[in-house]
Amino acid sequence: MAIVDVVVIPVGTEGPSVSKYIAEIQTKLKEFKAQGKIDYQLTPMNTLIEGDLKDLFEVVQAIHELPFDKGIDRVCTNIRIDDRRDKSRKMNDKLKSVENHLDSGGH
């Protein structure tokens, strides 16, 4: 299972706020989650998506296209992929690992 950190940036919007575009992306991600393909988490700065790598590429392409569908002429999408293959883990597993180190005094 891989994790993708993604930021979709519509360029040329009518103002500085892009929250309506982000909301539409979250709605699309909810559809993919309902299909059982992904899980995701919105943060103030990005969205984290986990799933099989081939599904993640499909999802990233779909959400990259959404601002174009709303009339935006330019979209910049940044992605970072964490694809660990020696063991299966999820986003929450990574957080728990750090928390365990904190609970043990950081060692």
PDB file of N, CA and C in Angstrom:
ATOM      1  N   MET A   1       0.841  -1.173   0.000  1.00  0.00           N
ATOM      2  CA  MET A   1       0.000   0.000   0.000  1.00  0.00           C
ATOM      3  C   MET A   1       0.887   1.237   0.000  1.00  0.00           C
ATOM      4  N   ALA A   2       0.546   2.197  -0.841  1.00  0.00           N
ATOM      5  CA  ALA A   2       1.305   3.437  -0.960  1.00  0.00           C
ATOM      6  C   ALA A   2       0.495   4.600  -0.388  1.00  0.00           C
ATOM      7  N   ILE A   3       1.206   5.666  -0.084  1.00  0.00           N
ATOM      8  CA  ILE A   3       0.582   6.897   0.384  1.00  0.00           C
ATOM      9  C   ILE A   3       1.046   8.017  -0.532  1.00  0.00           C
ATOM     10  N   VAL A   4       0.089   8.826  -0.977  1.00  0.00           N
ATOM     11  CA  VAL A   4       0.382   9.967  -1.827  1.00  0.00           C
ATOM     12  C   VAL A   4       0.014  11.238  -1.082  1.00  0.00           C
ATOM     13  N   ASP A   5       0.933  12.178  -1.079  1.00  0.00           N
ATOM     14  CA  ASP A   5       0.711  13.528  -0.581  1.00  0.00           C
ATOM     15  C   ASP A   5       0.457  14.370  -1.830  1.00  0.00           C
ATOM     16  N   VAL A   6      -0.728  14.966  -1.948  1.00  0.00           N
ATOM     17  CA  VAL A   6      -1.087  15.675  -3.175  1.00  0.00           C
ATOM     18  C   VAL A   6      -1.637  17.061  -2.867  1.00  0.00           C
ATOM     19  N   VAL A   7      -1.243  18.002  -3.708  1.00  0.00           N
ATOM     20  CA  VAL A   7      -1.761  19.359  -3.662  1.00  0.00           C
ATOM     21  C   VAL A   7      -2.138  19.739  -5.089  1.00  0.00           C
ATOM     22  N   VAL A   8      -3.407  20.062  -5.297  1.00  0.00           N
ATOM     23  CA  VAL A   8      -3.902  20.506  -6.597  1.00  0.00           C
ATOM     24  C   VAL A   8      -4.087  22.023  -6.518  1.00  0.00           C
ATOM     25  N   ILE A   9      -3.422  22.742  -7.414  1.00  0.00           N
ATOM     26  CA  ILE A   9      -3.434  24.206  -7.376  1.00  0.00           C
ATOM     27  C   ILE A   9      -4.030  24.741  -8.678  1.00  0.00           C
ATOM     28  N   PRO A  10      -5.294  25.187  -8.623  1.00  0.00           N
ATOM     29  CA  PRO A  10      -5.862  25.833  -9.811  1.00  0.00           C
ATOM     30  C   PRO A  10      -5.254  27.221  -9.975  1.00  0.00           C
ATOM     31  N   VAL A  11      -4.810  27.549 -11.174  1.00  0.00           N
ATOM     32  CA  VAL A  11      -4.167  28.832 -11.447  1.00  0.00           C
ATOM     33  C   VAL A  11      -5.113  29.671 -12.301  1.00  0.00           C
ATOM     34  N   GLY A  12      -5.307  30.935 -11.880  1.00  0.00           N
ATOM     35  CA  GLY A  12      -6.172  31.828 -12.644  1.00  0.00           C
ATOM     36  C   GLY A  12      -7.595  31.864 -12.122  1.00  0.00           C
ATOM     37  N   THR A  13      -7.765  31.591 -10.841  1.00  0.00           N
ATOM     38  CA  THR A  13      -9.100  31.668 -10.240  1.00  0.00           C
ATOM     39  C   THR A  13      -9.490  33.134 -10.075  1.00  0.00           C
ATOM     40  N   GLU A  14     -10.771  33.384  -9.820  1.00  0.00           N
ATOM     41  CA  GLU A  14     -11.250  34.761  -9.696  1.00  0.00           C
ATOM     42  C   GLU A  14     -10.737  35.477  -8.450  1.00  0.00           C
ATOM     43  N   GLY A  15     -10.219  34.750  -7.491  1.00  0.00           N
ATOM     44  CA  GLY A  15      -9.669  35.343  -6.267  1.00  0.00           C
ATOM     45  C   GLY A  15      -8.649  34.414  -5.656  1.00  0.00           C
ATOM     46  N   PRO A  16      -8.119  34.776  -4.492  1.00  0.00           N
ATOM     47  CA  PRO A  16      -7.073  33.963  -3.875  1.00  0.00           C
ATOM     48  C   PRO A  16      -7.581  32.673  -3.227  1.00  0.00           C
ATOM     49  N   SER A  17      -8.853  32.588  -2.909  1.00  0.00           N
ATOM     50  CA  SER A  17      -9.382  31.389  -2.249  1.00  0.00           C
ATOM     51  C   SER A  17      -9.591  30.265  -3.264  1.00  0.00           C
ATOM     52  N   VAL A  18      -9.187  29.056  -2.865  1.00  0.00           N
ATOM     53  CA  VAL A  18      -9.411  27.885  -3.720  1.00  0.00           C
ATOM     54  C   VAL A  18     -10.212  26.816  -2.982  1.00  0.00           C
ATOM     55  N   SER A  19     -10.830  27.181  -1.860  1.00  0.00           N
ATOM     56  CA  SER A  19     -11.519  26.189  -1.032  1.00  0.00           C
ATOM     57  C   SER A  19     -12.656  25.492  -1.765  1.00  0.00           C
ATOM     58  N   LYS A  20     -13.342  26.179  -2.681  1.00  0.00           N
ATOM     59  CA  LYS A  20     -14.430  25.503  -3.406  1.00  0.00           C
ATOM     60  C   LYS A  20     -13.882  24.401  -4.314  1.00  0.00           C
ATOM     61  N   TYR A  21     -12.683  24.590  -4.833  1.00  0.00           N
ATOM     62  CA  TYR A  21     -12.058  23.550  -5.654  1.00  0.00           C
ATOM     63  C   TYR A  21     -11.616  22.384  -4.777  1.00  0.00           C
ATOM     64  N   ILE A  22     -11.087  22.692  -3.609  1.00  0.00           N
ATOM     65  CA  ILE A  22     -10.653  21.647  -2.677  1.00  0.00           C
ATOM     66  C   ILE A  22     -11.863  20.836  -2.205  1.00  0.00           C
ATOM     67  N   ALA A  23     -12.978  21.511  -1.965  1.00  0.00           N
ATOM     68  CA  ALA A  23     -14.199  20.807  -1.551  1.00  0.00           C
ATOM     69  C   ALA A  23     -14.655  19.838  -2.628  1.00  0.00           C
ATOM     70  N   GLU A  24     -14.567  20.253  -3.881  1.00  0.00           N
ATOM     71  CA  GLU A  24     -14.953  19.360  -4.980  1.00  0.00           C
ATOM     72  C   GLU A  24     -14.021  18.148  -5.052  1.00  0.00           C
ATOM     73  N   ILE A  25     -12.733  18.382  -4.819  1.00  0.00           N
ATOM     74  CA  ILE A  25     -11.771  17.281  -4.800  1.00  0.00           C
ATOM     75  C   ILE A  25     -12.112  16.304  -3.683  1.00  0.00           C
ATOM     76  N   GLN A  26     -12.466  16.815  -2.511  1.00  0.00           N
ATOM     77  CA  GLN A  26     -12.814  15.944  -1.386  1.00  0.00           C
ATOM     78  C   GLN A  26     -14.059  15.118  -1.699  1.00  0.00           C
ATOM     79  N   THR A  27     -15.014  15.713  -2.410  1.00  0.00           N
ATOM     80  CA  THR A  27     -16.215  14.976  -2.817  1.00  0.00           C
ATOM     81  C   THR A  27     -15.847  13.826  -3.757  1.00  0.00           C
ATOM     82  N   LYS A  28     -14.944  14.094  -4.694  1.00  0.00           N
ATOM     83  CA  LYS A  28     -14.486  13.045  -5.624  1.00  0.00           C
ATOM     84  C   LYS A  28     -13.742  11.950  -4.864  1.00  0.00           C
ATOM     85  N   LEU A  29     -12.918  12.336  -3.900  1.00  0.00           N
ATOM     86  CA  LEU A  29     -12.195  11.341  -3.105  1.00  0.00           C
ATOM     87  C   LEU A  29     -13.160  10.475  -2.306  1.00  0.00           C
ATOM     88  N   LYS A  30     -14.223  11.077  -1.815  1.00  0.00           N
ATOM     89  CA  LYS A  30     -15.236  10.314  -1.085  1.00  0.00           C
ATOM     90  C   LYS A  30     -15.854   9.235  -1.981  1.00  0.00           C
ATOM     91  N   GLU A  31     -16.046   9.547  -3.250  1.00  0.00           N
ATOM     92  CA  GLU A  31     -16.563   8.557  -4.217  1.00  0.00           C
ATOM     93  C   GLU A  31     -15.583   7.399  -4.374  1.00  0.00           C
ATOM     94  N   PHE A  32     -14.301   7.712  -4.523  1.00  0.00           N
ATOM     95  CA  PHE A  32     -13.292   6.650  -4.653  1.00  0.00           C
ATOM     96  C   PHE A  32     -13.226   5.805  -3.379  1.00  0.00           C
ATOM     97  N   LYS A  33     -13.371   6.451  -2.227  1.00  0.00           N
ATOM     98  CA  LYS A  33     -13.358   5.709  -0.965  1.00  0.00           C
ATOM     99  C   LYS A  33     -14.563   4.779  -0.879  1.00  0.00           C
ATOM    100  N   ALA A  34     -15.720   5.248  -1.317  1.00  0.00           N
ATOM    101  CA  ALA A  34     -16.932   4.418  -1.299  1.00  0.00           C
ATOM    102  C   ALA A  34     -16.784   3.191  -2.194  1.00  0.00           C
ATOM    103  N   GLN A  35     -15.952   3.298  -3.225  1.00  0.00           N
ATOM    104  CA  GLN A  35     -15.669   2.162  -4.106  1.00  0.00           C
ATOM    105  C   GLN A  35     -14.656   1.210  -3.487  1.00  0.00           C
ATOM    106  N   GLY A  36     -14.090   1.580  -2.352  1.00  0.00           N
ATOM    107  CA  GLY A  36     -13.103   0.744  -1.673  1.00  0.00           C
ATOM    108  C   GLY A  36     -11.704   0.857  -2.239  1.00  0.00           C
ATOM    109  N   LYS A  37     -11.446   1.866  -3.066  1.00  0.00           N
ATOM    110  CA  LYS A  37     -10.133   1.987  -3.702  1.00  0.00           C
ATOM    111  C   LYS A  37      -9.110   2.703  -2.832  1.00  0.00           C
ATOM    112  N   ILE A  38      -9.549   3.644  -1.996  1.00  0.00           N
ATOM    113  CA  ILE A  38      -8.608   4.487  -1.252  1.00  0.00           C
ATOM    114  C   ILE A  38      -9.148   4.811   0.132  1.00  0.00           C
ATOM    115  N   ASP A  39      -8.271   5.361   0.943  1.00  0.00           N
ATOM    116  CA  ASP A  39      -8.655   6.128   2.118  1.00  0.00           C
ATOM    117  C   ASP A  39      -7.935   7.453   1.955  1.00  0.00           C
ATOM    118  N   TYR A  40      -8.411   8.498   2.620  1.00  0.00           N
ATOM    119  CA  TYR A  40      -7.791   9.807   2.457  1.00  0.00           C
ATOM    120  C   TYR A  40      -7.980  10.646   3.702  1.00  0.00           C
ATOM    121  N   GLN A  41      -7.153  11.678   3.789  1.00  0.00           N
ATOM    122  CA  GLN A  41      -7.211  12.586   4.918  1.00  0.00           C
ATOM    123  C   GLN A  41      -6.871  13.988   4.428  1.00  0.00           C
ATOM    124  N   LEU A  42      -7.776  14.926   4.631  1.00  0.00           N
ATOM    125  CA  LEU A  42      -7.527  16.325   4.312  1.00  0.00           C
ATOM    126  C   LEU A  42      -6.750  16.961   5.452  1.00  0.00           C
ATOM    127  N   THR A  43      -5.731  17.734   5.127  1.00  0.00           N
ATOM    128  CA  THR A  43      -5.004  18.521   6.117  1.00  0.00           C
ATOM    129  C   THR A  43      -5.105  19.984   5.679  1.00  0.00           C
ATOM    130  N   PRO A  44      -4.674  20.933   6.512  1.00  0.00           N
ATOM    131  CA  PRO A  44      -4.740  22.333   6.101  1.00  0.00           C
ATOM    132  C   PRO A  44      -3.880  22.668   4.878  1.00  0.00           C
ATOM    133  N   MET A  45      -2.890  21.833   4.577  1.00  0.00           N
ATOM    134  CA  MET A  45      -1.956  22.157   3.500  1.00  0.00           C
ATOM    135  C   MET A  45      -1.973  21.187   2.318  1.00  0.00           C
ATOM    136  N   ASN A  46      -2.608  20.020   2.469  1.00  0.00           N
ATOM    137  CA  ASN A  46      -2.567  19.010   1.414  1.00  0.00           C
ATOM    138  C   ASN A  46      -3.641  17.960   1.680  1.00  0.00           C
ATOM    139  N   THR A  47      -3.653  16.952   0.846  1.00  0.00           N
ATOM    140  CA  THR A  47      -4.490  15.782   1.070  1.00  0.00           C
ATOM    141  C   THR A  47      -3.598  14.557   0.983  1.00  0.00           C
ATOM    142  N   LEU A  48      -3.763  13.639   1.927  1.00  0.00           N
ATOM    143  CA  LEU A  48      -3.048  12.367   1.925  1.00  0.00           C
ATOM    144  C   LEU A  48      -4.016  11.291   1.451  1.00  0.00           C
ATOM    145  N   ILE A  49      -3.552  10.457   0.538  1.00  0.00           N
ATOM    146  CA  ILE A  49      -4.388   9.391  -0.014  1.00  0.00           C
ATOM    147  C   ILE A  49      -3.594   8.099   0.055  1.00  0.00           C
ATOM    148  N   GLU A  50      -4.230   7.029   0.522  1.00  0.00           N
ATOM    149  CA  GLU A  50      -3.540   5.744   0.563  1.00  0.00           C
ATOM    150  C   GLU A  50      -4.331   4.711  -0.222  1.00  0.00           C
ATOM    151  N   GLY A  51      -3.584   3.783  -0.833  1.00  0.00           N
ATOM    152  CA  GLY A  51      -4.191   2.721  -1.615  1.00  0.00           C
ATOM    153  C   GLY A  51      -3.141   2.032  -2.458  1.00  0.00           C
ATOM    154  N   ASP A  52      -3.594   1.182  -3.361  1.00  0.00           N
ATOM    155  CA  ASP A  52      -2.678   0.552  -4.307  1.00  0.00           C
ATOM    156  C   ASP A  52      -2.175   1.612  -5.276  1.00  0.00           C
ATOM    157  N   LEU A  53      -0.913   1.531  -5.656  1.00  0.00           N
ATOM    158  CA  LEU A  53      -0.295   2.560  -6.471  1.00  0.00           C
ATOM    159  C   LEU A  53      -1.056   2.818  -7.768  1.00  0.00           C
ATOM    160  N   LYS A  54      -1.510   1.764  -8.431  1.00  0.00           N
ATOM    161  CA  LYS A  54      -2.236   1.975  -9.704  1.00  0.00           C
ATOM    162  C   LYS A  54      -3.531   2.744  -9.469  1.00  0.00           C
ATOM    163  N   ASP A  55      -4.209   2.482  -8.362  1.00  0.00           N
ATOM    164  CA  ASP A  55      -5.418   3.227  -8.031  1.00  0.00           C
ATOM    165  C   ASP A  55      -5.094   4.675  -7.690  1.00  0.00           C
ATOM    166  N   LEU A  56      -3.984   4.883  -7.007  1.00  0.00           N
ATOM    167  CA  LEU A  56      -3.598   6.244  -6.630  1.00  0.00           C
ATOM    168  C   LEU A  56      -3.321   7.104  -7.857  1.00  0.00           C
ATOM    169  N   PHE A  57      -2.683   6.529  -8.864  1.00  0.00           N
ATOM    170  CA  PHE A  57      -2.445   7.288 -10.095  1.00  0.00           C
ATOM    171  C   PHE A  57      -3.775   7.651 -10.765  1.00  0.00           C
ATOM    172  N   GLU A  58      -4.717   6.731 -10.758  1.00  0.00           N
ATOM    173  CA  GLU A  58      -6.048   7.003 -11.313  1.00  0.00           C
ATOM    174  C   GLU A  58      -6.729   8.147 -10.549  1.00  0.00           C
ATOM    175  N   VAL A  59      -6.649   8.105  -9.237  1.00  0.00           N
ATOM    176  CA  VAL A  59      -7.276   9.119  -8.390  1.00  0.00           C
ATOM    177  C   VAL A  59      -6.624  10.483  -8.596  1.00  0.00           C
ATOM    178  N   VAL A  60      -5.294  10.517  -8.621  1.00  0.00           N
ATOM    179  CA  VAL A  60      -4.591  11.789  -8.811  1.00  0.00           C
ATOM    180  C   VAL A  60      -4.962  12.401 -10.158  1.00  0.00           C
ATOM    181  N   GLN A  61      -5.038  11.587 -11.194  1.00  0.00           N
ATOM    182  CA  GLN A  61      -5.430  12.118 -12.502  1.00  0.00           C
ATOM    183  C   GLN A  61      -6.854  12.680 -12.453  1.00  0.00           C
ATOM    184  N   ALA A  62      -7.751  11.971 -11.801  1.00  0.00           N
ATOM    185  CA  ALA A  62      -9.146  12.426 -11.717  1.00  0.00           C
ATOM    186  C   ALA A  62      -9.259  13.755 -10.979  1.00  0.00           C
ATOM    187  N   ILE A  63      -8.549  13.903  -9.857  1.00  0.00           N
ATOM    188  CA  ILE A  63      -8.682  15.152  -9.108  1.00  0.00           C
ATOM    189  C   ILE A  63      -7.911  16.296  -9.778  1.00  0.00           C
ATOM    190  N   HIS A  64      -6.873  15.977 -10.521  1.00  0.00           N
ATOM    191  CA  HIS A  64      -6.145  16.993 -11.297  1.00  0.00           C
ATOM    192  C   HIS A  64      -7.060  17.597 -12.361  1.00  0.00           C
ATOM    193  N   GLU A  65      -7.925  16.794 -12.932  1.00  0.00           N
ATOM    194  CA  GLU A  65      -8.820  17.242 -14.011  1.00  0.00           C
ATOM    195  C   GLU A  65      -9.977  18.103 -13.522  1.00  0.00           C
ATOM    196  N   LEU A  66     -10.346  18.002 -12.253  1.00  0.00           N
ATOM    197  CA  LEU A  66     -11.551  18.681 -11.765  1.00  0.00           C
ATOM    198  C   LEU A  66     -11.551  20.197 -11.992  1.00  0.00           C
ATOM    199  N   PRO A  67     -10.479  20.928 -11.675  1.00  0.00           N
ATOM    200  CA  PRO A  67     -10.527  22.371 -11.945  1.00  0.00           C
ATOM    201  C   PRO A  67     -10.680  22.699 -13.430  1.00  0.00           C
ATOM    202  N   PHE A  68     -10.103  21.887 -14.307  1.00  0.00           N
ATOM    203  CA  PHE A  68     -10.293  22.101 -15.741  1.00  0.00           C
ATOM    204  C   PHE A  68     -11.776  21.997 -16.095  1.00  0.00           C
ATOM    205  N   ASP A  69     -12.461  21.050 -15.467  1.00  0.00           N
ATOM    206  CA  ASP A  69     -13.892  20.864 -15.717  1.00  0.00           C
ATOM    207  C   ASP A  69     -14.712  22.079 -15.290  1.00  0.00           C
ATOM    208  N   LYS A  70     -14.144  22.912 -14.418  1.00  0.00           N
ATOM    209  CA  LYS A  70     -14.822  24.130 -13.936  1.00  0.00           C
ATOM    210  C   LYS A  70     -14.360  25.378 -14.691  1.00  0.00           C
ATOM    211  N   GLY A  71     -13.628  25.188 -15.782  1.00  0.00           N
ATOM    212  CA  GLY A  71     -13.241  26.324 -16.610  1.00  0.00           C
ATOM    213  C   GLY A  71     -11.869  26.898 -16.339  1.00  0.00           C
ATOM    214  N   ILE A  72     -11.119  26.312 -15.430  1.00  0.00           N
ATOM    215  CA  ILE A  72      -9.751  26.777 -15.167  1.00  0.00           C
ATOM    216  C   ILE A  72      -8.861  26.310 -16.315  1.00  0.00           C
ATOM    217  N   ASP A  73      -7.983  27.182 -16.775  1.00  0.00           N
ATOM    218  CA  ASP A  73      -7.124  26.865 -17.913  1.00  0.00           C
ATOM    219  C   ASP A  73      -5.753  26.312 -17.540  1.00  0.00           C
ATOM    220  N   ARG A  74      -5.411  26.413 -16.239  1.00  0.00           N
ATOM    221  CA  ARG A  74      -4.098  25.911 -15.816  1.00  0.00           C
ATOM    222  C   ARG A  74      -4.217  25.319 -14.420  1.00  0.00           C
ATOM    223  N   VAL A  75      -3.651  24.134 -14.226  1.00  0.00           N
ATOM    224  CA  VAL A  75      -3.656  23.448 -12.937  1.00  0.00           C
ATOM    225  C   VAL A  75      -2.261  22.895 -12.690  1.00  0.00           C
ATOM    226  N   CYS A  76      -1.723  23.202 -11.519  1.00  0.00           N
ATOM    227  CA  CYS A  76      -0.431  22.647 -11.112  1.00  0.00           C
ATOM    228  C   CYS A  76      -0.695  21.668  -9.968  1.00  0.00           C
ATOM    229  N   THR A  77      -0.284  20.430 -10.141  1.00  0.00           N
ATOM    230  CA  THR A  77      -0.490  19.406  -9.119  1.00  0.00           C
ATOM    231  C   THR A  77       0.853  18.876  -8.666  1.00  0.00           C
ATOM    232  N   ASN A  78       1.077  18.946  -7.365  1.00  0.00           N
ATOM    233  CA  ASN A  78       2.300  18.412  -6.767  1.00  0.00           C
ATOM    234  C   ASN A  78       1.956  17.103  -6.076  1.00  0.00           C
ATOM    235  N   ILE A  79       2.755  16.069  -6.346  1.00  0.00           N
ATOM    236  CA  ILE A  79       2.551  14.792  -5.665  1.00  0.00           C
ATOM    237  C   ILE A  79       3.881  14.289  -5.110  1.00  0.00           C
ATOM    238  N   ARG A  80       3.755  13.613  -3.991  1.00  0.00           N
ATOM    239  CA  ARG A  80       4.893  12.924  -3.372  1.00  0.00           C
ATOM    240  C   ARG A  80       4.380  11.547  -3.007  1.00  0.00           C
ATOM    241  N   ILE A  81       5.115  10.519  -3.376  1.00  0.00           N
ATOM    242  CA  ILE A  81       4.674   9.137  -3.183  1.00  0.00           C
ATOM    243  C   ILE A  81       5.584   8.444  -2.185  1.00  0.00           C
ATOM    244  N   ASP A  82       4.955   7.818  -1.196  1.00  0.00           N
ATOM    245  CA  ASP A  82       5.676   6.955  -0.247  1.00  0.00           C
ATOM    246  C   ASP A  82       5.191   5.533  -0.526  1.00  0.00           C
ATOM    247  N   ASP A  83       6.031   4.748  -1.155  1.00  0.00           N
ATOM    248  CA  ASP A  83       5.653   3.392  -1.577  1.00  0.00           C
ATOM    249  C   ASP A  83       6.611   2.403  -0.929  1.00  0.00           C
ATOM    250  N   ARG A  84       6.260   1.947   0.249  1.00  0.00           N
ATOM    251  CA  ARG A  84       7.099   1.002   0.989  1.00  0.00           C
ATOM    252  C   ARG A  84       6.605  -0.411   0.721  1.00  0.00           C
ATOM    253  N   ARG A  85       7.499  -1.287   0.288  1.00  0.00           N
ATOM    254  CA  ARG A  85       7.080  -2.623  -0.122  1.00  0.00           C
ATOM    255  C   ARG A  85       7.578  -3.732   0.787  1.00  0.00           C
ATOM    256  N   ASP A  86       8.370  -3.415   1.803  1.00  0.00           N
ATOM    257  CA  ASP A  86       8.842  -4.471   2.692  1.00  0.00           C
ATOM    258  C   ASP A  86       7.808  -4.837   3.740  1.00  0.00           C
ATOM    259  N   LYS A  87       6.826  -3.963   3.969  1.00  0.00           N
ATOM    260  CA  LYS A  87       5.726  -4.294   4.864  1.00  0.00           C
ATOM    261  C   LYS A  87       4.533  -3.405   4.538  1.00  0.00           C
ATOM    262  N   SER A  88       3.371  -3.905   4.878  1.00  0.00           N
ATOM    263  CA  SER A  88       2.144  -3.163   4.620  1.00  0.00           C
ATOM    264  C   SER A  88       1.821  -2.302   5.827  1.00  0.00           C
ATOM    265  N   ARG A  89       1.571  -1.023   5.578  1.00  0.00           N
ATOM    266  CA  ARG A  89       1.144  -0.154   6.659  1.00  0.00           C
ATOM    267  C   ARG A  89       0.310   0.975   6.084  1.00  0.00           C
ATOM    268  N   LYS A  90      -0.475   1.586   6.959  1.00  0.00           N
ATOM    269  CA  LYS A  90      -1.375   2.652   6.564  1.00  0.00           C
ATOM    270  C   LYS A  90      -0.929   3.960   7.193  1.00  0.00           C
ATOM    271  N   MET A  91      -1.608   5.049   6.807  1.00  0.00           N
ATOM    272  CA  MET A  91      -1.264   6.368   7.332  1.00  0.00           C
ATOM    273  C   MET A  91      -1.237   6.369   8.854  1.00  0.00           C
ATOM    274  N   ASN A  92      -2.256   5.803   9.468  1.00  0.00           N
ATOM    275  CA  ASN A  92      -2.340   5.792  10.931  1.00  0.00           C
ATOM    276  C   ASN A  92      -1.232   4.963  11.566  1.00  0.00           C
ATOM    277  N   ASP A  93      -0.772   3.923  10.882  1.00  0.00           N
ATOM    278  CA  ASP A  93       0.342   3.121  11.392  1.00  0.00           C
ATOM    279  C   ASP A  93       1.609   3.966  11.515  1.00  0.00           C
ATOM    280  N   LYS A  94       1.829   4.848  10.541  1.00  0.00           N
ATOM    281  CA  LYS A  94       2.998   5.723  10.590  1.00  0.00           C
ATOM    282  C   LYS A  94       2.904   6.666  11.782  1.00  0.00           C
ATOM    283  N   LEU A  95       1.713   7.192  12.027  1.00  0.00           N
ATOM    284  CA  LEU A  95       1.522   8.088  13.165  1.00  0.00           C
ATOM    285  C   LEU A  95       1.725   7.345  14.485  1.00  0.00           C
ATOM    286  N   LYS A  96       1.184   6.133  14.573  1.00  0.00           N
ATOM    287  CA  LYS A  96       1.330   5.343  15.801  1.00  0.00           C
ATOM    288  C   LYS A  96       2.800   5.035  16.080  1.00  0.00           C
ATOM    289  N   SER A  97       3.570   4.801  15.054  1.00  0.00           N
ATOM    290  CA  SER A  97       4.990   4.516  15.233  1.00  0.00           C
ATOM    291  C   SER A  97       5.696   5.704  15.890  1.00  0.00           C
ATOM    292  N   VAL A  98       5.395   6.899  15.420  1.00  0.00           N
ATOM    293  CA  VAL A  98       5.999   8.103  16.006  1.00  0.00           C
ATOM    294  C   VAL A  98       5.505   8.282  17.443  1.00  0.00           C
ATOM    295  N   GLU A  99       4.203   8.075  17.665  1.00  0.00           N
ATOM    296  CA  GLU A  99       3.640   8.206  19.010  1.00  0.00           C
ATOM    297  C   GLU A  99       4.288   7.227  19.971  1.00  0.00           C
ATOM    298  N   ASN A 100       4.562   6.004  19.513  1.00  0.00           N
ATOM    299  CA  ASN A 100       5.226   5.014  20.366  1.00  0.00           C
ATOM    300  C   ASN A 100       6.614   5.496  20.785  1.00  0.00           C
ATOM    301  N   HIS A 101       7.335   6.139  19.869  1.00  0.00           N
ATOM    302  CA  HIS A 101       8.641   6.688  20.217  1.00  0.00           C
ATOM    303  C   HIS A 101       8.503   7.823  21.220  1.00  0.00           C
ATOM    304  N   LEU A 102       7.475   8.654  21.051  1.00  0.00           N
ATOM    305  CA  LEU A 102       7.251   9.741  22.008  1.00  0.00           C
ATOM    306  C   LEU A 102       6.904   9.207  23.382  1.00  0.00           C
ATOM    307  N   ASP A 103       6.071   8.162  23.412  1.00  0.00           N
ATOM    308  CA  ASP A 103       5.670   7.559  24.695  1.00  0.00           C
ATOM    309  C   ASP A 103       6.851   6.928  25.424  1.00  0.00           C
ATOM    310  N   SER A 104       7.831   6.464  24.650  1.00  0.00           N
ATOM    311  CA  SER A 104       8.989   5.820  25.284  1.00  0.00           C
ATOM    312  C   SER A 104      10.116   6.818  25.558  1.00  0.00           C
ATOM    313  N   GLY A 105       9.797   8.091  25.509  1.00  0.00           N
ATOM    314  CA  GLY A 105      10.787   9.103  25.811  1.00  0.00           C
ATOM    315  C   GLY A 105      11.603   9.564  24.614  1.00  0.00           C
ATOM    316  N   GLY A 106      11.113   9.245  23.426  1.00  0.00           N
ATOM    317  CA  GLY A 106      11.804   9.715  22.227  1.00  0.00           C
ATOM    318  C   GLY A 106      12.988   8.876  21.800  1.00  0.00           C
ATOM    319  N   HIS A 107      13.152   7.723  22.381  1.00  0.00           N
ATOM    320  CA  HIS A 107      14.314   6.880  22.036  1.00  0.00           C
ATOM    321  C   HIS A 107      13.879   5.676  21.242  1.00  0.00           C
TER     322      HIS A 107
END
